[in-house]
PDB file of N, CA and C in Angstrom:
ATOM      1  N   MET A   1      99.824 108.649  97.655  1.00  0.00           N
ATOM      2  CA  MET A   1     100.662 108.888  98.624  1.00  0.00           C
ATOM      3  C   MET A   1     101.787 108.517 100.275  1.00  0.00           C
ATOM      4  N   MET A   2     102.064 109.672  99.759  1.00  0.00           N
ATOM      5  CA  MET A   2     103.003 109.205 100.722  1.00  0.00           C
ATOM      6  C   MET A   2     102.969 108.148 102.650  1.00  0.00           C
ATOM      7  N   PRO A   3     103.720 107.357 102.268  1.00  0.00           N
ATOM      8  CA  PRO A   3     103.396 107.044 103.802  1.00  0.00           C
ATOM      9  C   PRO A   3     104.034 107.157 105.382  1.00  0.00           C
ATOM     10  N   ASP A   4     103.033 107.232 106.012  1.00  0.00           N
ATOM     11  CA  ASP A   4     104.069 107.549 107.212  1.00  0.00           C
ATOM     12  C   ASP A   4     105.433 107.179 108.180  1.00  0.00           C
ATOM     13  N   LEU A   5     105.869 108.104 107.815  1.00  0.00           N
ATOM     14  CA  LEU A   5     107.463 107.421 107.951  1.00  0.00           C
ATOM     15  C   LEU A   5     107.761 106.613 109.148  1.00  0.00           C
ATOM     16  N   LYS A   6     107.052 107.123 109.999  1.00  0.00           N
ATOM     17  CA  LYS A   6     107.111 106.440 111.216  1.00  0.00           C
ATOM     18  C   LYS A   6     106.794 105.249 112.200  1.00  0.00           C
ATOM     19  N   THR A   7     105.261 105.201 111.057  1.00  0.00           N
ATOM     20  CA  THR A   7     104.555 103.861 110.900  1.00  0.00           C
ATOM     21  C   THR A   7     105.140 102.884 110.679  1.00  0.00           C
ATOM     22  N   LEU A   8     105.575 103.523 109.285  1.00  0.00           N
ATOM     23  CA  LEU A   8     106.727 101.837 108.346  1.00  0.00           C
ATOM     24  C   LEU A   8     107.723 101.331 109.380  1.00  0.00           C
ATOM     25  N   GLY A   9     108.878 103.024 110.292  1.00  0.00           N
ATOM     26  CA  GLY A   9     109.940 102.505 110.617  1.00  0.00           C
ATOM     27  C   GLY A   9     109.396 101.595 111.610  1.00  0.00           C
ATOM     28  N   ALA A  10     108.330 101.861 112.836  1.00  0.00           N
ATOM     29  CA  ALA A  10     108.313 101.574 113.687  1.00  0.00           C
ATOM     30  C   ALA A  10     108.150  99.738 113.718  1.00  0.00           C
ATOM     31  N   ASN A  11     106.826  99.876 112.197  1.00  0.00           N
ATOM     32  CA  ASN A  11     106.863  98.794 111.466  1.00  0.00           C
ATOM     33  C   ASN A  11     107.856  97.124 111.044  1.00  0.00           C
ATOM     34  N   ILE A  12     108.847  98.519 110.792  1.00  0.00           N
ATOM     35  CA  ILE A  12     110.306  97.387 110.572  1.00  0.00           C
ATOM     36  C   ILE A  12     110.956  97.221 112.059  1.00  0.00           C
ATOM     37  N   LYS A  13     111.226  98.456 112.748  1.00  0.00           N
ATOM     38  CA  LYS A  13     112.086  98.069 114.567  1.00  0.00           C
ATOM     39  C   LYS A  13     111.073  96.595 114.287  1.00  0.00           C
ATOM     40  N   THR A  14     110.105  96.810 114.446  1.00  0.00           N
ATOM     41  CA  THR A  14     109.041  95.803 115.343  1.00  0.00           C
ATOM     42  C   THR A  14     109.358  94.253 114.955  1.00  0.00           C
ATOM     43  N   LEU A  15     109.596  94.451 113.508  1.00  0.00           N
ATOM     44  CA  LEU A  15     110.136  93.215 112.299  1.00  0.00           C
ATOM     45  C   LEU A  15     111.066  92.415 113.167  1.00  0.00           C
ATOM     46  N   ARG A  16     111.936  93.148 112.740  1.00  0.00           N
ATOM     47  CA  ARG A  16     113.492  93.297 113.376  1.00  0.00           C
ATOM     48  C   ARG A  16     113.971  92.850 114.548  1.00  0.00           C
ATOM     49  N   GLN A  17     112.781  92.851 115.359  1.00  0.00           N
ATOM     50  CA  GLN A  17     113.322  92.637 116.816  1.00  0.00           C
ATOM     51  C   GLN A  17     112.622  90.594 117.280  1.00  0.00           C
ATOM     52  N   ARG A  18     111.556  91.379 116.016  1.00  0.00           N
ATOM     53  CA  ARG A  18     110.717  89.649 116.615  1.00  0.00           C
ATOM     54  C   ARG A  18     112.072  88.660 115.922  1.00  0.00           C
ATOM     55  N   ALA A  19     112.806  89.183 114.967  1.00  0.00           N
ATOM     56  CA  ALA A  19     113.336  88.065 114.316  1.00  0.00           C
ATOM     57  C   ALA A  19     114.614  87.776 114.839  1.00  0.00           C
ATOM     58  N   GLY A  20     115.421  88.673 115.853  1.00  0.00           N
ATOM     59  CA  GLY A  20     115.883  88.830 116.722  1.00  0.00           C
ATOM     60  C   GLY A  20     117.385  89.415 115.511  1.00  0.00           C
ATOM     61  N   LEU A  21     116.750  89.991 114.946  1.00  0.00           N
ATOM     62  CA  LEU A  21     118.058  90.780 114.243  1.00  0.00           C
ATOM     63  C   LEU A  21     118.553  92.364 114.288  1.00  0.00           C
ATOM     64  N   ARG A  22     119.943  92.351 114.215  1.00  0.00           N
ATOM     65  CA  ARG A  22     120.120  93.832 114.643  1.00  0.00           C
ATOM     66  C   ARG A  22     119.806  94.688 113.670  1.00  0.00           C
ATOM     67  N   GLN A  23     120.074  96.178 113.502  1.00  0.00           N
ATOM     68  CA  GLN A  23     120.378  97.051 112.685  1.00  0.00           C
ATOM     69  C   GLN A  23     121.813  96.663 111.757  1.00  0.00           C
ATOM     70  N   LYS A  24     122.838  96.275 112.635  1.00  0.00           N
ATOM     71  CA  LYS A  24     123.698  95.995 111.544  1.00  0.00           C
ATOM     72  C   LYS A  24     123.545  95.243 110.519  1.00  0.00           C
ATOM     73  N   HIS A  25     122.927  93.611 111.285  1.00  0.00           N
ATOM     74  CA  HIS A  25     122.300  92.859 109.983  1.00  0.00           C
ATOM     75  C   HIS A  25     121.767  93.295 108.782  1.00  0.00           C
ATOM     76  N   ILE A  26     120.734  94.231 109.178  1.00  0.00           N
ATOM     77  CA  ILE A  26     119.395  94.920 108.522  1.00  0.00           C
ATOM     78  C   ILE A  26     121.035  95.803 107.458  1.00  0.00           C
ATOM     79  N   ALA A  27     121.254  96.159 107.797  1.00  0.00           N
ATOM     80  CA  ALA A  27     122.223  97.133 107.260  1.00  0.00           C
ATOM     81  C   ALA A  27     122.954  96.938 106.540  1.00  0.00           C
ATOM     82  N   GLY A  28     123.763  95.204 106.652  1.00  0.00           N
ATOM     83  CA  GLY A  28     124.864  94.571 105.872  1.00  0.00           C
ATOM     84  C   GLY A  28     123.992  93.755 104.633  1.00  0.00           C
ATOM     85  N   TYR A  29     122.777  93.977 104.880  1.00  0.00           N
ATOM     86  CA  TYR A  29     121.696  93.254 103.656  1.00  0.00           C
ATOM     87  C   TYR A  29     120.797  94.044 103.174  1.00  0.00           C
ATOM     88  N   LEU A  30     121.078  95.559 103.021  1.00  0.00           N
ATOM     89  CA  LEU A  30     120.783  96.027 102.352  1.00  0.00           C
ATOM     90  C   LEU A  30     122.012  97.055 101.277  1.00  0.00           C
ATOM     91  N   GLY A  31     122.993  96.936 102.021  1.00  0.00           N
ATOM     92  CA  GLY A  31     124.511  97.371 101.921  1.00  0.00           C
ATOM     93  C   GLY A  31     124.267  98.843 102.619  1.00  0.00           C
ATOM     94  N   VAL A  32     124.365  99.329 103.052  1.00  0.00           N
ATOM     95  CA  VAL A  32     123.992 100.778 103.818  1.00  0.00           C
ATOM     96  C   VAL A  32     124.388 100.791 105.377  1.00  0.00           C
ATOM     97  N   ASP A  33     124.725 101.970 105.550  1.00  0.00           N
ATOM     98  CA  ASP A  33     124.963 101.719 107.136  1.00  0.00           C
ATOM     99  C   ASP A  33     124.216 101.742 108.084  1.00  0.00           C
ATOM    100  N   GLN A  34     124.717 101.319 108.888  1.00  0.00           N
ATOM    101  CA  GLN A  34     123.509 101.321 110.325  1.00  0.00           C
ATOM    102  C   GLN A  34     122.854 101.846 110.628  1.00  0.00           C
ATOM    103  N   SER A  35     123.626 103.566 110.338  1.00  0.00           N
ATOM    104  CA  SER A  35     122.762 104.554 111.091  1.00  0.00           C
ATOM    105  C   SER A  35     121.360 105.173 110.169  1.00  0.00           C
ATOM    106  N   LEU A  36     121.718 104.409 109.269  1.00  0.00           N
ATOM    107  CA  LEU A  36     120.880 104.607 107.924  1.00  0.00           C
ATOM    108  C   LEU A  36     119.159 103.642 108.457  1.00  0.00           C
ATOM    109  N   VAL A  37     119.463 102.285 108.822  1.00  0.00           N
ATOM    110  CA  VAL A  37     118.747 101.607 109.132  1.00  0.00           C
ATOM    111  C   VAL A  37     118.327 102.757 110.202  1.00  0.00           C
ATOM    112  N   SER A  38     118.722 102.857 111.438  1.00  0.00           N
ATOM    113  CA  SER A  38     118.168 103.852 112.687  1.00  0.00           C
ATOM    114  C   SER A  38     117.603 104.902 112.112  1.00  0.00           C
ATOM    115  N   LYS A  39     117.731 105.865 111.103  1.00  0.00           N
ATOM    116  CA  LYS A  39     116.943 106.796 110.833  1.00  0.00           C
ATOM    117  C   LYS A  39     116.030 106.401 110.116  1.00  0.00           C
ATOM    118  N   PHE A  40     116.186 105.328 109.262  1.00  0.00           N
ATOM    119  CA  PHE A  40     114.816 104.430 108.888  1.00  0.00           C
ATOM    120  C   PHE A  40     113.367 103.933 109.947  1.00  0.00           C
ATOM    121  N   GLU A  41     113.956 102.793 110.969  1.00  0.00           N
ATOM    122  CA  GLU A  41     113.688 103.088 111.918  1.00  0.00           C
ATOM    123  C   GLU A  41     113.029 103.800 113.186  1.00  0.00           C
ATOM    124  N   SER A  42     113.044 105.061 113.297  1.00  0.00           N
ATOM    125  CA  SER A  42     112.863 106.162 113.744  1.00  0.00           C
ATOM    126  C   SER A  42     111.814 106.799 112.812  1.00  0.00           C
ATOM    127  N   GLY A  43     112.282 106.784 112.051  1.00  0.00           N
ATOM    128  CA  GLY A  43     110.463 107.640 110.624  1.00  0.00           C
ATOM    129  C   GLY A  43     112.234 109.311 110.262  1.00  0.00           C
ATOM    130  N   GLU A  44     113.179 109.310 110.927  1.00  0.00           N
ATOM    131  CA  GLU A  44     114.139 110.596 109.671  1.00  0.00           C
ATOM    132  C   GLU A  44     114.068 110.417 108.486  1.00  0.00           C
ATOM    133  N   ARG A  45     114.331 109.214 107.975  1.00  0.00           N
ATOM    134  CA  ARG A  45     114.702 109.211 107.134  1.00  0.00           C
ATOM    135  C   ARG A  45     113.469 108.398 105.924  1.00  0.00           C
ATOM    136  N   ALA A  46     113.262 109.057 104.671  1.00  0.00           N
ATOM    137  CA  ALA A  46     112.155 108.278 103.775  1.00  0.00           C
ATOM    138  C   ALA A  46     113.564 106.732 103.268  1.00  0.00           C
ATOM    139  N   ILE A  47     112.635 105.630 103.037  1.00  0.00           N
ATOM    140  CA  ILE A  47     113.634 104.550 102.706  1.00  0.00           C
ATOM    141  C   ILE A  47     113.005 104.251 100.912  1.00  0.00           C
ATOM    142  N   SER A  48     113.965 103.571 100.158  1.00  0.00           N
ATOM    143  CA  SER A  48     113.403 104.167  99.032  1.00  0.00           C
ATOM    144  C   SER A  48     112.740 102.884  98.534  1.00  0.00           C
ATOM    145  N   SER A  49     112.231 102.696  97.880  1.00  0.00           N
ATOM    146  CA  SER A  49     111.308 101.180  97.137  1.00  0.00           C
ATOM    147  C   SER A  49     111.830 100.160  97.398  1.00  0.00           C
ATOM    148  N   ASP A  50     113.194 100.096  96.593  1.00  0.00           N
ATOM    149  CA  ASP A  50     114.371  99.229  96.291  1.00  0.00           C
ATOM    150  C   ASP A  50     114.292  98.494  97.934  1.00  0.00           C
ATOM    151  N   MET A  51     114.771  99.634  98.412  1.00  0.00           N
ATOM    152  CA  MET A  51     114.891  98.487  99.898  1.00  0.00           C
ATOM    153  C   MET A  51     114.000  98.601 100.654  1.00  0.00           C
ATOM    154  N   LEU A  52     112.435  99.145 100.542  1.00  0.00           N
ATOM    155  CA  LEU A  52     110.855  98.884 101.086  1.00  0.00           C
ATOM    156  C   LEU A  52     111.229  97.445 100.341  1.00  0.00           C
ATOM    157  N   ASP A  53     111.275  96.968  98.718  1.00  0.00           N
ATOM    158  CA  ASP A  53     110.748  96.185  98.681  1.00  0.00           C
ATOM    159  C   ASP A  53     111.981  94.675  99.164  1.00  0.00           C
ATOM    160  N   LYS A  54     113.087  95.023  99.527  1.00  0.00           N
ATOM    161  CA  LYS A  54     114.163  94.203 100.256  1.00  0.00           C
ATOM    162  C   LYS A  54     113.573  93.436 101.368  1.00  0.00           C
ATOM    163  N   ILE A  55     113.048  94.457 102.172  1.00  0.00           N
ATOM    164  CA  ILE A  55     112.825  94.491 103.707  1.00  0.00           C
ATOM    165  C   ILE A  55     111.570  93.581 103.904  1.00  0.00           C
ATOM    166  N   ALA A  56     110.232  94.013 103.195  1.00  0.00           N
ATOM    167  CA  ALA A  56     109.296  92.938 102.976  1.00  0.00           C
ATOM    168  C   ALA A  56     109.601  91.805 102.914  1.00  0.00           C
ATOM    169  N   ALA A  57     110.338  91.819 101.588  1.00  0.00           N
ATOM    170  CA  ALA A  57     110.628  90.177 101.568  1.00  0.00           C
ATOM    171  C   ALA A  57     111.801  89.654 102.594  1.00  0.00           C
ATOM    172  N   LEU A  58     112.772  90.079 103.303  1.00  0.00           N
ATOM    173  CA  LEU A  58     113.137  89.553 103.935  1.00  0.00           C
ATOM    174  C   LEU A  58     112.170  88.502 105.214  1.00  0.00           C
ATOM    175  N   PHE A  59     111.081  90.199 105.848  1.00  0.00           N
ATOM    176  CA  PHE A  59     110.333  89.587 106.640  1.00  0.00           C
ATOM    177  C   PHE A  59     108.953  88.616 105.989  1.00  0.00           C
ATOM    178  N   CYS A  60     109.034  88.393 104.711  1.00  0.00           N
ATOM    179  CA  CYS A  60     107.505  87.858 104.569  1.00  0.00           C
ATOM    180  C   CYS A  60     106.150  88.663 105.203  1.00  0.00           C
ATOM    181  N   CYS A  61     106.343  89.641 104.447  1.00  0.00           N
ATOM    182  CA  CYS A  61     105.658  90.875 104.168  1.00  0.00           C
ATOM    183  C   CYS A  61     105.064  91.652 103.539  1.00  0.00           C
ATOM    184  N   PRO A  62     103.671  91.312 103.091  1.00  0.00           N
ATOM    185  CA  PRO A  62     103.647  92.944 101.436  1.00  0.00           C
ATOM    186  C   PRO A  62     104.003  93.975 102.233  1.00  0.00           C
ATOM    187  N   VAL A  63     104.570  94.758 101.672  1.00  0.00           N
ATOM    188  CA  VAL A  63     104.687  95.887 101.113  1.00  0.00           C
ATOM    189  C   VAL A  63     103.782  96.902 101.991  1.00  0.00           C
ATOM    190  N   SER A  64     102.563  96.689 101.434  1.00  0.00           N
ATOM    191  CA  SER A  64     100.939  97.009 102.388  1.00  0.00           C
ATOM    192  C   SER A  64     101.051  97.113 103.390  1.00  0.00           C
ATOM    193  N   VAL A  65     101.124  95.752 103.809  1.00  0.00           N
ATOM    194  CA  VAL A  65     101.098  95.589 105.044  1.00  0.00           C
ATOM    195  C   VAL A  65     102.340  96.744 106.363  1.00  0.00           C
ATOM    196  N   LEU A  66     103.545  97.070 106.183  1.00  0.00           N
ATOM    197  CA  LEU A  66     104.302  96.978 106.792  1.00  0.00           C
ATOM    198  C   LEU A  66     104.398  98.407 106.197  1.00  0.00           C
ATOM    199  N   MET A  67     103.521  99.426 106.081  1.00  0.00           N
ATOM    200  CA  MET A  67     103.343 101.069 105.662  1.00  0.00           C
ATOM    201  C   MET A  67     101.738 100.820 106.305  1.00  0.00           C
ATOM    202  N   SER A  68     100.751 100.072 106.536  1.00  0.00           N
ATOM    203  CA  SER A  68      99.850  99.955 107.765  1.00  0.00           C
ATOM    204  C   SER A  68     100.299 100.375 108.596  1.00  0.00           C
ATOM    205  N   PRO A  69      99.279 100.796 109.204  1.00  0.00           N
ATOM    206  CA  PRO A  69      98.724 101.517 111.172  1.00  0.00           C
ATOM    207  C   PRO A  69      98.764 100.499 111.970  1.00  0.00           C
ATOM    208  N   ASN A  70      98.472  99.191 111.402  1.00  0.00           N
ATOM    209  CA  ASN A  70      97.968  97.948 111.855  1.00  0.00           C
ATOM    210  C   ASN A  70      99.203  96.894 112.726  1.00  0.00           C
ATOM    211  N   GLU A  71      98.987  96.408 113.370  1.00  0.00           N
ATOM    212  CA  GLU A  71     100.001  95.888 113.639  1.00  0.00           C
ATOM    213  C   GLU A  71     100.847  94.765 112.677  1.00  0.00           C
ATOM    214  N   CYS A  72     101.957  94.725 112.225  1.00  0.00           N
ATOM    215  CA  CYS A  72     102.445  94.578 111.462  1.00  0.00           C
ATOM    216  C   CYS A  72     102.921  92.644 111.604  1.00  0.00           C
ATOM    217  N   GLU A  73     102.879  91.738 111.162  1.00  0.00           N
ATOM    218  CA  GLU A  73     102.723  90.416 111.977  1.00  0.00           C
ATOM    219  C   GLU A  73     102.997  89.824 110.792  1.00  0.00           C
ATOM    220  N   SER A  74     104.428  89.106 111.146  1.00  0.00           N
ATOM    221  CA  SER A  74     105.177  88.034 109.400  1.00  0.00           C
ATOM    222  C   SER A  74     104.447  86.788 109.459  1.00  0.00           C
ATOM    223  N   PRO A  75     103.842  86.763 108.633  1.00  0.00           N
ATOM    224  CA  PRO A  75     103.274  84.776 108.118  1.00  0.00           C
ATOM    225  C   PRO A  75     103.955  83.806 108.799  1.00  0.00           C
ATOM    226  N   VAL A  76     105.440  83.923 108.537  1.00  0.00           N
ATOM    227  CA  VAL A  76     106.444  83.439 108.525  1.00  0.00           C
ATOM    228  C   VAL A  76     107.403  83.818 109.576  1.00  0.00           C
ATOM    229  N   LEU A  77     107.917  83.156 110.641  1.00  0.00           N
ATOM    230  CA  LEU A  77     108.761  83.592 111.600  1.00  0.00           C
ATOM    231  C   LEU A  77     110.086  82.756 111.551  1.00  0.00           C
ATOM    232  N   PHE A  78     111.442  83.094 111.560  1.00  0.00           N
ATOM    233  CA  PHE A  78     112.015  82.576 111.777  1.00  0.00           C
ATOM    234  C   PHE A  78     113.383  83.002 112.947  1.00  0.00           C
ATOM    235  N   ALA A  79     114.086  82.213 113.003  1.00  0.00           N
ATOM    236  CA  ALA A  79     115.342  82.606 114.385  1.00  0.00           C
ATOM    237  C   ALA A  79     116.248  82.514 113.899  1.00  0.00           C
ATOM    238  N   PHE A  80     117.407  82.712 114.770  1.00  0.00           N
ATOM    239  CA  PHE A  80     118.474  82.927 114.249  1.00  0.00           C
ATOM    240  C   PHE A  80     119.019  81.856 114.854  1.00  0.00           C
ATOM    241  N   ARG A  81     119.799  80.746 115.391  1.00  0.00           N
ATOM    242  CA  ARG A  81     120.707  80.147 116.565  1.00  0.00           C
ATOM    243  C   ARG A  81     121.946  80.634 115.968  1.00  0.00           C
ATOM    244  N   THR A  82     122.383  81.665 115.554  1.00  0.00           N
ATOM    245  CA  THR A  82     124.182  81.845 116.021  1.00  0.00           C
ATOM    246  C   THR A  82     124.100  83.415 115.649  1.00  0.00           C
ATOM    247  N   THR A  83     125.036  83.643 116.070  1.00  0.00           N
ATOM    248  CA  THR A  83     125.501  85.224 116.238  1.00  0.00           C
ATOM    249  C   THR A  83     125.856  85.588 114.886  1.00  0.00           C
ATOM    250  N   GLY A  84     126.962  84.865 114.449  1.00  0.00           N
ATOM    251  CA  GLY A  84     127.246  85.155 112.824  1.00  0.00           C
ATOM    252  C   GLY A  84     125.861  84.967 111.580  1.00  0.00           C
ATOM    253  N   VAL A  85     125.275  86.010 111.627  1.00  0.00           N
ATOM    254  CA  VAL A  85     124.960  86.196 110.535  1.00  0.00           C
ATOM    255  C   VAL A  85     125.902  87.070 108.876  1.00  0.00           C
ATOM    256  N   GLU A  86     125.142  86.567 108.507  1.00  0.00           N
ATOM    257  CA  GLU A  86     125.844  86.932 107.177  1.00  0.00           C
ATOM    258  C   GLU A  86     124.358  87.664 106.458  1.00  0.00           C
ATOM    259  N   GLY A  87     125.361  88.504 105.661  1.00  0.00           N
ATOM    260  CA  GLY A  87     123.927  89.346 104.354  1.00  0.00           C
ATOM    261  C   GLY A  87     123.630  88.294 103.851  1.00  0.00           C
ATOM    262  N   GLU A  88     124.677  87.478 103.143  1.00  0.00           N
ATOM    263  CA  GLU A  88     123.979  86.385 102.303  1.00  0.00           C
ATOM    264  C   GLU A  88     122.921  85.174 102.836  1.00  0.00           C
ATOM    265  N   ASP A  89     123.050  85.019 104.291  1.00  0.00           N
ATOM    266  CA  ASP A  89     122.019  83.790 104.640  1.00  0.00           C
ATOM    267  C   ASP A  89     120.976  85.025 104.608  1.00  0.00           C
ATOM    268  N   LEU A  90     120.953  86.646 104.633  1.00  0.00           N
ATOM    269  CA  LEU A  90     120.044  86.745 105.126  1.00  0.00           C
ATOM    270  C   LEU A  90     119.227  87.174 102.808  1.00  0.00           C
ATOM    271  N   GLU A  91     119.962  87.436 102.281  1.00  0.00           N
ATOM    272  CA  GLU A  91     119.619  87.308 100.689  1.00  0.00           C
ATOM    273  C   GLU A  91     118.700  85.884 100.609  1.00  0.00           C
ATOM    274  N   ALA A  92     119.197  84.445 100.964  1.00  0.00           N
ATOM    275  CA  ALA A  92     118.740  83.620 100.642  1.00  0.00           C
ATOM    276  C   ALA A  92     117.617  83.240 101.569  1.00  0.00           C
ATOM    277  N   LEU A  93     117.393  83.839 102.848  1.00  0.00           N
ATOM    278  CA  LEU A  93     115.668  83.986 103.354  1.00  0.00           C
ATOM    279  C   LEU A  93     115.035  84.841 102.535  1.00  0.00           C
ATOM    280  N   ALA A  94     115.195  86.037 102.210  1.00  0.00           N
ATOM    281  CA  ALA A  94     114.257  86.791 101.126  1.00  0.00           C
ATOM    282  C   ALA A  94     113.749  85.727 100.132  1.00  0.00           C
ATOM    283  N   MET A  95     114.666  85.207  99.347  1.00  0.00           N
ATOM    284  CA  MET A  95     114.449  84.727  97.494  1.00  0.00           C
ATOM    285  C   MET A  95     113.357  84.042  98.740  1.00  0.00           C
ATOM    286  N   ILE A  96     113.820  83.498  99.622  1.00  0.00           N
ATOM    287  CA  ILE A  96     112.395  81.730  99.721  1.00  0.00           C
ATOM    288  C   ILE A  96     111.212  82.941 100.481  1.00  0.00           C
ATOM    289  N   ASN A  97     111.367  83.082 100.799  1.00  0.00           N
ATOM    290  CA  ASN A  97     110.019  84.357 101.073  1.00  0.00           C
ATOM    291  C   ASN A  97     109.726  85.227 100.424  1.00  0.00           C
ATOM    292  N   ARG A  98     110.178  85.886  99.092  1.00  0.00           N
ATOM    293  CA  ARG A  98     109.444  86.102  97.909  1.00  0.00           C
ATOM    294  C   ARG A  98     108.355  85.027  97.241  1.00  0.00           C
ATOM    295  N   ILE A  99     109.102  84.053  97.164  1.00  0.00           N
ATOM    296  CA  ILE A  99     108.303  82.634  96.505  1.00  0.00           C
ATOM    297  C   ILE A  99     107.406  82.530  97.680  1.00  0.00           C
ATOM    298  N   ALA A 100     106.574  82.655  98.875  1.00  0.00           N
ATOM    299  CA  ALA A 100     106.173  82.641  99.490  1.00  0.00           C
ATOM    300  C   ALA A 100     105.339  83.512 100.315  1.00  0.00           C
ATOM    301  N   LEU A 101     105.615  84.969 100.088  1.00  0.00           N
ATOM    302  CA  LEU A 101     104.867  86.358  98.932  1.00  0.00           C
ATOM    303  C   LEU A 101     104.216  85.698  97.849  1.00  0.00           C
ATOM    304  N   ASN A 102     104.555  85.350  96.501  1.00  0.00           N
ATOM    305  CA  ASN A 102     103.490  85.212  95.411  1.00  0.00           C
ATOM    306  C   ASN A 102     102.545  83.798  95.678  1.00  0.00           C
ATOM    307  N   GLN A 103     103.231  83.313  96.470  1.00  0.00           N
ATOM    308  CA  GLN A 103     101.849  82.197  97.020  1.00  0.00           C
ATOM    309  C   GLN A 103     100.873  82.125  97.440  1.00  0.00           C
ATOM    310  N   MET A 104     101.155  83.180  98.334  1.00  0.00           N
ATOM    311  CA  MET A 104     100.429  83.612  99.387  1.00  0.00           C
ATOM    312  C   MET A 104      99.009  84.920  98.210  1.00  0.00           C
ATOM    313  N   LEU A 105      99.954  85.244  97.381  1.00  0.00           N
ATOM    314  CA  LEU A 105      99.314  86.235  96.256  1.00  0.00           C
ATOM    315  C   LEU A 105      98.379  85.678  95.628  1.00  0.00           C
ATOM    316  N   MET A 106      98.486  84.202  95.462  1.00  0.00           N
ATOM    317  CA  MET A 106      98.366  83.411  94.066  1.00  0.00           C
ATOM    318  C   MET A 106      97.005  82.899  95.007  1.00  0.00           C
ATOM    319  N   ASP A 107      97.054  82.447  95.930  1.00  0.00           N
ATOM    320  CA  ASP A 107      96.208  81.942  96.225  1.00  0.00           C
ATOM    321  C   ASP A 107      94.699  83.115  97.065  1.00  0.00           C
ATOM    322  N   GLU A 108      95.096  84.607  97.291  1.00  0.00           N
ATOM    323  CA  GLU A 108      94.380  85.332  97.541  1.00  0.00           C
ATOM    324  C   GLU A 108      93.390  85.400  95.775  1.00  0.00           C
ATOM    325  N   LEU A 109      93.579  85.416  95.264  1.00  0.00           N
ATOM    326  CA  LEU A 109      93.765  86.155  93.187  1.00  0.00           C
ATOM    327  C   LEU A 109      92.674  84.599  92.983  1.00  0.00           C
ATOM    328  N   LEU A 110      93.047  83.370  93.807  1.00  0.00           N
ATOM    329  CA  LEU A 110      92.250  81.778  93.020  1.00  0.00           C
ATOM    330  C   LEU A 110      91.281  82.134  93.859  1.00  0.00           C
ATOM    331  N   GLU A 111      91.091  82.006  95.405  1.00  0.00           N
ATOM    332  CA  GLU A 111      89.691  82.390  96.187  1.00  0.00           C
ATOM    333  C   GLU A 111      88.953  83.527  95.875  1.00  0.00           C
ATOM    334  N   GLY A 112      89.122  85.012  95.023  1.00  0.00           N
ATOM    335  CA  GLY A 112      88.543  85.989  94.050  1.00  0.00           C
ATOM    336  C   GLY A 112      88.713  86.839  95.876  1.00  0.00           C
ATOM    337  N   ARG A 113      89.432  87.173  96.220  1.00  0.00           N
ATOM    338  CA  ARG A 113      89.518  87.985  97.656  1.00  0.00           C
ATOM    339  C   ARG A 113      89.803  89.558  96.395  1.00  0.00           C
TER     340      ARG A 113
END
């Protein structure tokens, strides 16, 4: 099933804005041009599964939730208190969030959901 690109893009934009990040930060993290991030957010361009996984990890949000038309809320909120956000900072945050996502999945499996 093909995801609705407008919904996916809107969810990515909402999470990015809540985190206080700019498109250039996401572009640096993904290794793409800022204009491509803009096209993702507007639903003009499809996003690769690899990039979608990276974005999901960055915002600690399962891919299925990113593609959902429901309000996309990250269970782990973070804030940057500096204007000098580097790609390495986002990579480190994404690694930590992957651990949190894996733990949430394990908890769901143990609860029999």
